[in-house]
PDB file of N, CA and C in Angstrom:
ATOM      1  N   MET A   1       2.756 -29.752  53.973  1.00  0.00           N
ATOM      2  CA  MET A   1       2.069 -29.170  54.426  1.00  0.00           C
ATOM      3  C   MET A   1       1.894 -27.858  53.230  1.00  0.00           C
ATOM      4  N   THR A   2       0.141 -28.058  52.109  1.00  0.00           N
ATOM      5  CA  THR A   2       0.347 -27.465  51.597  1.00  0.00           C
ATOM      6  C   THR A   2      -0.982 -26.214  51.938  1.00  0.00           C
ATOM      7  N   ASN A   3      -0.574 -24.395  51.037  1.00  0.00           N
ATOM      8  CA  ASN A   3      -1.764 -23.828  51.559  1.00  0.00           C
ATOM      9  C   ASN A   3      -2.623 -23.711  50.392  1.00  0.00           C
ATOM     10  N   ALA A   4      -3.419 -24.755  50.351  1.00  0.00           N
ATOM     11  CA  ALA A   4      -4.459 -25.166  49.280  1.00  0.00           C
ATOM     12  C   ALA A   4      -5.687 -24.356  50.010  1.00  0.00           C
ATOM     13  N   PRO A   5      -6.517 -23.545  49.075  1.00  0.00           N
ATOM     14  CA  PRO A   5      -7.329 -22.801  49.572  1.00  0.00           C
ATOM     15  C   PRO A   5      -8.674 -23.578  50.117  1.00  0.00           C
ATOM     16  N   SER A   6      -9.526 -23.172  51.048  1.00  0.00           N
ATOM     17  CA  SER A   6     -10.937 -24.380  51.228  1.00  0.00           C
ATOM     18  C   SER A   6     -11.500 -24.193  50.117  1.00  0.00           C
ATOM     19  N   PRO A   7     -12.230 -25.269  50.079  1.00  0.00           N
ATOM     20  CA  PRO A   7     -13.561 -25.973  49.021  1.00  0.00           C
ATOM     21  C   PRO A   7     -14.314 -24.554  49.485  1.00  0.00           C
ATOM     22  N   THR A   8     -14.584 -24.310  50.484  1.00  0.00           N
ATOM     23  CA  THR A   8     -15.849 -23.465  50.945  1.00  0.00           C
ATOM     24  C   THR A   8     -15.592 -22.001  49.993  1.00  0.00           C
ATOM     25  N   LEU A   9     -13.847 -21.272  50.178  1.00  0.00           N
ATOM     26  CA  LEU A   9     -13.075 -20.310  49.651  1.00  0.00           C
ATOM     27  C   LEU A   9     -13.594 -20.302  47.963  1.00  0.00           C
ATOM     28  N   ASP A  10     -13.162 -21.487  47.726  1.00  0.00           N
ATOM     29  CA  ASP A  10     -13.237 -22.133  46.369  1.00  0.00           C
ATOM     30  C   ASP A  10     -14.531 -21.593  45.424  1.00  0.00           C
ATOM     31  N   ARG A  11     -15.581 -22.409  45.996  1.00  0.00           N
ATOM     32  CA  ARG A  11     -17.167 -22.013  45.871  1.00  0.00           C
ATOM     33  C   ARG A  11     -17.437 -20.636  46.020  1.00  0.00           C
ATOM     34  N   THR A  12     -17.178 -20.078  46.561  1.00  0.00           N
ATOM     35  CA  THR A  12     -17.813 -18.801  46.886  1.00  0.00           C
ATOM     36  C   THR A  12     -16.879 -17.805  45.873  1.00  0.00           C
ATOM     37  N   SER A  13     -15.504 -18.288  45.618  1.00  0.00           N
ATOM     38  CA  SER A  13     -14.794 -17.547  44.747  1.00  0.00           C
ATOM     39  C   SER A  13     -15.487 -17.528  43.140  1.00  0.00           C
ATOM     40  N   SER A  14     -16.349 -19.223  42.781  1.00  0.00           N
ATOM     41  CA  SER A  14     -16.456 -19.604  41.703  1.00  0.00           C
ATOM     42  C   SER A  14     -17.622 -18.218  41.664  1.00  0.00           C
ATOM     43  N   ALA A  15     -18.602 -18.945  42.361  1.00  0.00           N
ATOM     44  CA  ALA A  15     -19.927 -18.437  42.260  1.00  0.00           C
ATOM     45  C   ALA A  15     -19.831 -17.275  42.089  1.00  0.00           C
ATOM     46  N   LEU A  16     -18.840 -16.012  42.729  1.00  0.00           N
ATOM     47  CA  LEU A  16     -18.728 -14.887  42.420  1.00  0.00           C
ATOM     48  C   LEU A  16     -18.181 -14.391  41.158  1.00  0.00           C
ATOM     49  N   GLY A  17     -17.152 -15.366  40.752  1.00  0.00           N
ATOM     50  CA  GLY A  17     -16.843 -14.728  39.421  1.00  0.00           C
ATOM     51  C   GLY A  17     -17.636 -15.024  38.344  1.00  0.00           C
ATOM     52  N   GLU A  18     -18.458 -16.375  38.553  1.00  0.00           N
ATOM     53  CA  GLU A  18     -19.833 -16.144  37.942  1.00  0.00           C
ATOM     54  C   GLU A  18     -21.100 -15.207  38.083  1.00  0.00           C
ATOM     55  N   PHE A  19     -21.043 -14.764  38.985  1.00  0.00           N
ATOM     56  CA  PHE A  19     -22.068 -13.783  39.029  1.00  0.00           C
ATOM     57  C   PHE A  19     -21.654 -12.671  37.875  1.00  0.00           C
ATOM     58  N   LEU A  20     -20.269 -12.140  38.700  1.00  0.00           N
ATOM     59  CA  LEU A  20     -19.680 -10.889  37.964  1.00  0.00           C
ATOM     60  C   LEU A  20     -19.477 -11.056  36.845  1.00  0.00           C
ATOM     61  N   ASP A  21     -19.159 -12.430  35.937  1.00  0.00           N
ATOM     62  CA  ASP A  21     -18.964 -12.437  34.161  1.00  0.00           C
ATOM     63  C   ASP A  21     -20.853 -12.488  33.697  1.00  0.00           C
ATOM     64  N   GLU A  22     -21.865 -12.979  34.491  1.00  0.00           N
ATOM     65  CA  GLU A  22     -23.198 -12.656  33.892  1.00  0.00           C
ATOM     66  C   GLU A  22     -23.442 -11.575  33.641  1.00  0.00           C
ATOM     67  N   THR A  23     -23.496 -10.593  35.180  1.00  0.00           N
ATOM     68  CA  THR A  23     -23.880  -9.226  35.284  1.00  0.00           C
ATOM     69  C   THR A  23     -23.161  -8.309  33.923  1.00  0.00           C
ATOM     70  N   LEU A  24     -21.805  -8.391  33.993  1.00  0.00           N
ATOM     71  CA  LEU A  24     -21.050  -7.600  33.334  1.00  0.00           C
ATOM     72  C   LEU A  24     -21.366  -7.745  31.545  1.00  0.00           C
ATOM     73  N   THR A  25     -21.838  -9.085  31.403  1.00  0.00           N
ATOM     74  CA  THR A  25     -21.646  -9.489  29.874  1.00  0.00           C
ATOM     75  C   THR A  25     -23.471  -8.915  29.725  1.00  0.00           C
ATOM     76  N   GLY A  26     -24.336  -8.730  30.802  1.00  0.00           N
ATOM     77  CA  GLY A  26     -25.595  -8.215  30.641  1.00  0.00           C
ATOM     78  C   GLY A  26     -25.717  -6.671  30.638  1.00  0.00           C
ATOM     79  N   LEU A  27     -24.291  -6.206  30.862  1.00  0.00           N
ATOM     80  CA  LEU A  27     -24.039  -4.750  30.887  1.00  0.00           C
ATOM     81  C   LEU A  27     -23.389  -4.087  30.019  1.00  0.00           C
ATOM     82  N   LYS A  28     -23.072  -4.788  28.976  1.00  0.00           N
ATOM     83  CA  LYS A  28     -21.659  -4.785  27.888  1.00  0.00           C
ATOM     84  C   LYS A  28     -22.143  -3.973  27.367  1.00  0.00           C
ATOM     85  N   VAL A  29     -23.032  -3.575  26.691  1.00  0.00           N
ATOM     86  CA  VAL A  29     -23.817  -2.530  25.855  1.00  0.00           C
ATOM     87  C   VAL A  29     -23.993  -1.321  26.343  1.00  0.00           C
ATOM     88  N   GLU A  30     -24.259  -1.139  27.727  1.00  0.00           N
ATOM     89  CA  GLU A  30     -24.070   0.116  28.391  1.00  0.00           C
ATOM     90  C   GLU A  30     -22.770   0.374  28.881  1.00  0.00           C
ATOM     91  N   LEU A  31     -21.925  -0.849  29.158  1.00  0.00           N
ATOM     92  CA  LEU A  31     -20.815  -0.042  30.139  1.00  0.00           C
ATOM     93  C   LEU A  31     -19.490   0.372  28.436  1.00  0.00           C
ATOM     94  N   LEU A  32     -20.349  -0.103  27.448  1.00  0.00           N
ATOM     95  CA  LEU A  32     -19.387   0.641  26.523  1.00  0.00           C
ATOM     96  C   LEU A  32     -19.549   1.793  25.817  1.00  0.00           C
ATOM     97  N   HIS A  33     -20.817   1.959  25.999  1.00  0.00           N
ATOM     98  CA  HIS A  33     -21.996   3.200  25.698  1.00  0.00           C
ATOM     99  C   HIS A  33     -21.286   4.427  26.307  1.00  0.00           C
ATOM    100  N   THR A  34     -20.848   4.282  27.613  1.00  0.00           N
ATOM    101  CA  THR A  34     -20.776   4.789  28.880  1.00  0.00           C
ATOM    102  C   THR A  34     -19.165   5.011  28.616  1.00  0.00           C
ATOM    103  N   LEU A  35     -18.369   3.925  28.306  1.00  0.00           N
ATOM    104  CA  LEU A  35     -17.106   4.348  28.041  1.00  0.00           C
ATOM    105  C   LEU A  35     -16.769   5.195  26.757  1.00  0.00           C
ATOM    106  N   GLN A  36     -17.528   5.035  25.901  1.00  0.00           N
ATOM    107  CA  GLN A  36     -17.617   5.852  24.281  1.00  0.00           C
ATOM    108  C   GLN A  36     -17.773   7.587  24.572  1.00  0.00           C
ATOM    109  N   GLU A  37     -18.823   7.513  25.399  1.00  0.00           N
ATOM    110  CA  GLU A  37     -19.139   9.182  26.195  1.00  0.00           C
ATOM    111  C   GLU A  37     -17.861   9.616  26.764  1.00  0.00           C
ATOM    112  N   LEU A  38     -17.419   8.751  27.809  1.00  0.00           N
ATOM    113  CA  LEU A  38     -16.490   9.499  28.556  1.00  0.00           C
ATOM    114  C   LEU A  38     -15.170   9.789  27.863  1.00  0.00           C
ATOM    115  N   VAL A  39     -14.740   9.334  27.185  1.00  0.00           N
ATOM    116  CA  VAL A  39     -13.402   9.465  26.215  1.00  0.00           C
ATOM    117  C   VAL A  39     -13.865  10.315  25.228  1.00  0.00           C
ATOM    118  N   ARG A  40     -15.321  10.808  25.353  1.00  0.00           N
ATOM    119  CA  ARG A  40     -15.316  12.006  24.154  1.00  0.00           C
ATOM    120  C   ARG A  40     -15.286  13.438  24.608  1.00  0.00           C
ATOM    121  N   ILE A  41     -15.144  13.325  26.184  1.00  0.00           N
ATOM    122  CA  ILE A  41     -15.200  14.393  26.986  1.00  0.00           C
ATOM    123  C   ILE A  41     -13.768  14.856  26.876  1.00  0.00           C
ATOM    124  N   PRO A  42     -13.471  16.162  26.433  1.00  0.00           N
ATOM    125  CA  PRO A  42     -12.501  16.404  26.781  1.00  0.00           C
ATOM    126  C   PRO A  42     -11.957  16.951  28.295  1.00  0.00           C
ATOM    127  N   SER A  43     -10.421  15.912  28.594  1.00  0.00           N
ATOM    128  CA  SER A  43     -10.406  16.149  29.753  1.00  0.00           C
ATOM    129  C   SER A  43      -8.745  16.294  30.363  1.00  0.00           C
ATOM    130  N   GLU A  44      -7.980  16.486  29.393  1.00  0.00           N
ATOM    131  CA  GLU A  44      -6.720  16.947  29.125  1.00  0.00           C
ATOM    132  C   GLU A  44      -6.367  17.960  30.593  1.00  0.00           C
ATOM    133  N   ASN A  45      -4.753  17.462  31.201  1.00  0.00           N
ATOM    134  CA  ASN A  45      -5.067  18.573  32.438  1.00  0.00           C
ATOM    135  C   ASN A  45      -3.818  19.226  31.873  1.00  0.00           C
ATOM    136  N   LEU A  46      -4.716  20.791  31.267  1.00  0.00           N
ATOM    137  CA  LEU A  46      -4.119  21.567  31.398  1.00  0.00           C
ATOM    138  C   LEU A  46      -3.662  22.769  31.856  1.00  0.00           C
ATOM    139  N   LEU A  47      -2.670  23.016  32.157  1.00  0.00           N
ATOM    140  CA  LEU A  47      -2.035  23.834  33.047  1.00  0.00           C
ATOM    141  C   LEU A  47      -2.720  25.343  32.894  1.00  0.00           C
ATOM    142  N   PRO A  48      -3.065  26.270  33.791  1.00  0.00           N
ATOM    143  CA  PRO A  48      -3.007  26.385  34.920  1.00  0.00           C
ATOM    144  C   PRO A  48      -3.954  25.713  36.099  1.00  0.00           C
ATOM    145  N   ALA A  49      -5.573  25.477  35.119  1.00  0.00           N
ATOM    146  CA  ALA A  49      -6.722  25.144  35.968  1.00  0.00           C
ATOM    147  C   ALA A  49      -6.932  23.995  35.470  1.00  0.00           C
ATOM    148  N   GLY A  50      -6.584  23.019  34.350  1.00  0.00           N
ATOM    149  CA  GLY A  50      -6.768  21.662  34.459  1.00  0.00           C
ATOM    150  C   GLY A  50      -8.338  21.913  33.643  1.00  0.00           C
ATOM    151  N   ASN A  51      -8.488  20.895  32.629  1.00  0.00           N
ATOM    152  CA  ASN A  51      -9.849  20.801  32.105  1.00  0.00           C
ATOM    153  C   ASN A  51     -10.729  19.182  32.578  1.00  0.00           C
ATOM    154  N   GLU A  52     -10.699  18.947  33.794  1.00  0.00           N
ATOM    155  CA  GLU A  52     -11.161  17.648  34.034  1.00  0.00           C
ATOM    156  C   GLU A  52     -12.613  17.931  34.321  1.00  0.00           C
ATOM    157  N   ARG A  53     -13.477  19.272  34.631  1.00  0.00           N
ATOM    158  CA  ARG A  53     -14.547  19.507  35.427  1.00  0.00           C
ATOM    159  C   ARG A  53     -15.717  18.372  34.538  1.00  0.00           C
ATOM    160  N   ASP A  54     -15.811  18.728  33.093  1.00  0.00           N
ATOM    161  CA  ASP A  54     -17.186  17.592  32.513  1.00  0.00           C
ATOM    162  C   ASP A  54     -16.761  16.507  32.748  1.00  0.00           C
ATOM    163  N   CYS A  55     -15.690  15.529  32.631  1.00  0.00           N
ATOM    164  CA  CYS A  55     -15.689  14.675  32.980  1.00  0.00           C
ATOM    165  C   CYS A  55     -16.077  14.278  34.699  1.00  0.00           C
ATOM    166  N   GLN A  56     -15.744  14.985  35.623  1.00  0.00           N
ATOM    167  CA  GLN A  56     -16.028  14.686  36.434  1.00  0.00           C
ATOM    168  C   GLN A  56     -17.541  14.908  36.675  1.00  0.00           C
ATOM    169  N   LEU A  57     -17.918  15.645  35.995  1.00  0.00           N
ATOM    170  CA  LEU A  57     -20.033  15.760  35.985  1.00  0.00           C
ATOM    171  C   LEU A  57     -20.404  14.588  35.513  1.00  0.00           C
ATOM    172  N   TYR A  58     -19.733  14.237  34.405  1.00  0.00           N
ATOM    173  CA  TYR A  58     -20.161  13.278  33.708  1.00  0.00           C
ATOM    174  C   TYR A  58     -20.010  11.853  34.693  1.00  0.00           C
ATOM    175  N   VAL A  59     -18.793  11.513  35.322  1.00  0.00           N
ATOM    176  CA  VAL A  59     -18.658  10.414  35.801  1.00  0.00           C
ATOM    177  C   VAL A  59     -19.643  10.428  37.175  1.00  0.00           C
ATOM    178  N   ALA A  60     -19.736  11.730  37.729  1.00  0.00           N
ATOM    179  CA  ALA A  60     -20.648  11.992  38.963  1.00  0.00           C
ATOM    180  C   ALA A  60     -21.961  11.496  38.547  1.00  0.00           C
ATOM    181  N   ASP A  61     -22.645  12.060  37.508  1.00  0.00           N
ATOM    182  CA  ASP A  61     -24.147  11.659  37.075  1.00  0.00           C
ATOM    183  C   ASP A  61     -24.136  10.218  37.172  1.00  0.00           C
ATOM    184  N   CYS A  62     -23.412   9.487  36.388  1.00  0.00           N
ATOM    185  CA  CYS A  62     -23.333   7.816  36.087  1.00  0.00           C
ATOM    186  C   CYS A  62     -23.480   7.131  37.682  1.00  0.00           C
ATOM    187  N   LEU A  63     -22.818   7.767  38.478  1.00  0.00           N
ATOM    188  CA  LEU A  63     -22.715   7.151  39.671  1.00  0.00           C
ATOM    189  C   LEU A  63     -23.790   7.359  41.008  1.00  0.00           C
ATOM    190  N   ARG A  64     -24.602   8.912  40.573  1.00  0.00           N
ATOM    191  CA  ARG A  64     -25.285   9.084  41.095  1.00  0.00           C
ATOM    192  C   ARG A  64     -26.924   8.105  40.594  1.00  0.00           C
ATOM    193  N   ARG A  65     -26.725   7.779  39.192  1.00  0.00           N
ATOM    194  CA  ARG A  65     -27.624   7.462  38.837  1.00  0.00           C
ATOM    195  C   ARG A  65     -27.894   5.721  39.824  1.00  0.00           C
ATOM    196  N   CYS A  66     -26.578   5.196  40.222  1.00  0.00           N
ATOM    197  CA  CYS A  66     -26.278   3.864  40.825  1.00  0.00           C
ATOM    198  C   CYS A  66     -26.739   4.208  42.277  1.00  0.00           C
ATOM    199  N   GLY A  67     -27.170   5.345  43.040  1.00  0.00           N
ATOM    200  CA  GLY A  67     -27.503   5.223  44.067  1.00  0.00           C
ATOM    201  C   GLY A  67     -26.120   5.670  44.892  1.00  0.00           C
ATOM    202  N   LEU A  68     -24.980   6.424  44.482  1.00  0.00           N
ATOM    203  CA  LEU A  68     -23.821   6.360  45.077  1.00  0.00           C
ATOM    204  C   LEU A  68     -23.961   8.126  45.011  1.00  0.00           C
ATOM    205  N   GLN A  69     -22.972   8.984  46.395  1.00  0.00           N
ATOM    206  CA  GLN A  69     -23.075  10.459  46.589  1.00  0.00           C
ATOM    207  C   GLN A  69     -21.691  10.807  46.061  1.00  0.00           C
ATOM    208  N   PRO A  70     -20.855  10.608  44.948  1.00  0.00           N
ATOM    209  CA  PRO A  70     -19.930  11.004  44.724  1.00  0.00           C
ATOM    210  C   PRO A  70     -19.443  12.778  45.096  1.00  0.00           C
ATOM    211  N   ASP A  71     -18.119  12.394  45.627  1.00  0.00           N
ATOM    212  CA  ASP A  71     -17.722  13.882  46.214  1.00  0.00           C
ATOM    213  C   ASP A  71     -16.678  14.801  44.790  1.00  0.00           C
ATOM    214  N   LEU A  72     -17.542  15.793  44.606  1.00  0.00           N
ATOM    215  CA  LEU A  72     -16.333  16.551  43.139  1.00  0.00           C
ATOM    216  C   LEU A  72     -15.487  17.919  43.668  1.00  0.00           C
ATOM    217  N   TYR A  73     -14.698  18.019  43.198  1.00  0.00           N
ATOM    218  CA  TYR A  73     -13.599  18.808  43.776  1.00  0.00           C
ATOM    219  C   TYR A  73     -13.296  19.229  42.064  1.00  0.00           C
ATOM    220  N   ASP A  74     -12.570  21.313  42.811  1.00  0.00           N
ATOM    221  CA  ASP A  74     -11.782  22.145  41.908  1.00  0.00           C
ATOM    222  C   ASP A  74     -10.536  21.445  42.469  1.00  0.00           C
ATOM    223  N   LEU A  75      -9.607  22.117  41.034  1.00  0.00           N
ATOM    224  CA  LEU A  75      -8.299  21.619  40.985  1.00  0.00           C
ATOM    225  C   LEU A  75      -7.691  22.670  42.325  1.00  0.00           C
ATOM    226  N   ALA A  76      -8.291  23.938  42.347  1.00  0.00           N
ATOM    227  CA  ALA A  76      -7.559  25.172  42.943  1.00  0.00           C
ATOM    228  C   ALA A  76      -8.191  24.546  45.182  1.00  0.00           C
ATOM    229  N   ASP A  77      -8.858  23.679  45.244  1.00  0.00           N
ATOM    230  CA  ASP A  77      -9.027  23.060  46.373  1.00  0.00           C
ATOM    231  C   ASP A  77      -8.201  22.205  46.811  1.00  0.00           C
ATOM    232  N   VAL A  78      -7.384  22.001  45.675  1.00  0.00           N
ATOM    233  CA  VAL A  78      -6.039  20.863  46.223  1.00  0.00           C
ATOM    234  C   VAL A  78      -5.063  21.055  46.137  1.00  0.00           C
ATOM    235  N   SER A  79      -4.611  21.183  47.376  1.00  0.00           N
ATOM    236  CA  SER A  79      -3.352  21.961  47.457  1.00  0.00           C
ATOM    237  C   SER A  79      -2.092  21.066  47.050  1.00  0.00           C
ATOM    238  N   ALA A  80      -2.144  19.927  46.651  1.00  0.00           N
ATOM    239  CA  ALA A  80      -0.822  18.988  46.230  1.00  0.00           C
ATOM    240  C   ALA A  80      -1.074  19.613  44.570  1.00  0.00           C
ATOM    241  N   LEU A  81      -1.734  19.852  43.589  1.00  0.00           N
ATOM    242  CA  LEU A  81      -1.674  19.777  42.699  1.00  0.00           C
ATOM    243  C   LEU A  81      -1.432  21.203  41.977  1.00  0.00           C
TER     244      LEU A  81
END
């Protein structure tokens, strides 16, 4: 007996793959622009306070435009750091 995936799962996976491929291809220019902007933001983890806040704010703004509500944090508020 083999553990071959069911035909339904194969069709679903294939359809999802095609959907993601088409969607990401359509967003290629926007994704590249977002990545370029993101890497331009200085975000080195410099002691003692780090330097990630501007990067957090940029990503949070991108997520809000997508309808999400991101949580932001300060390094001082994260006890493990």
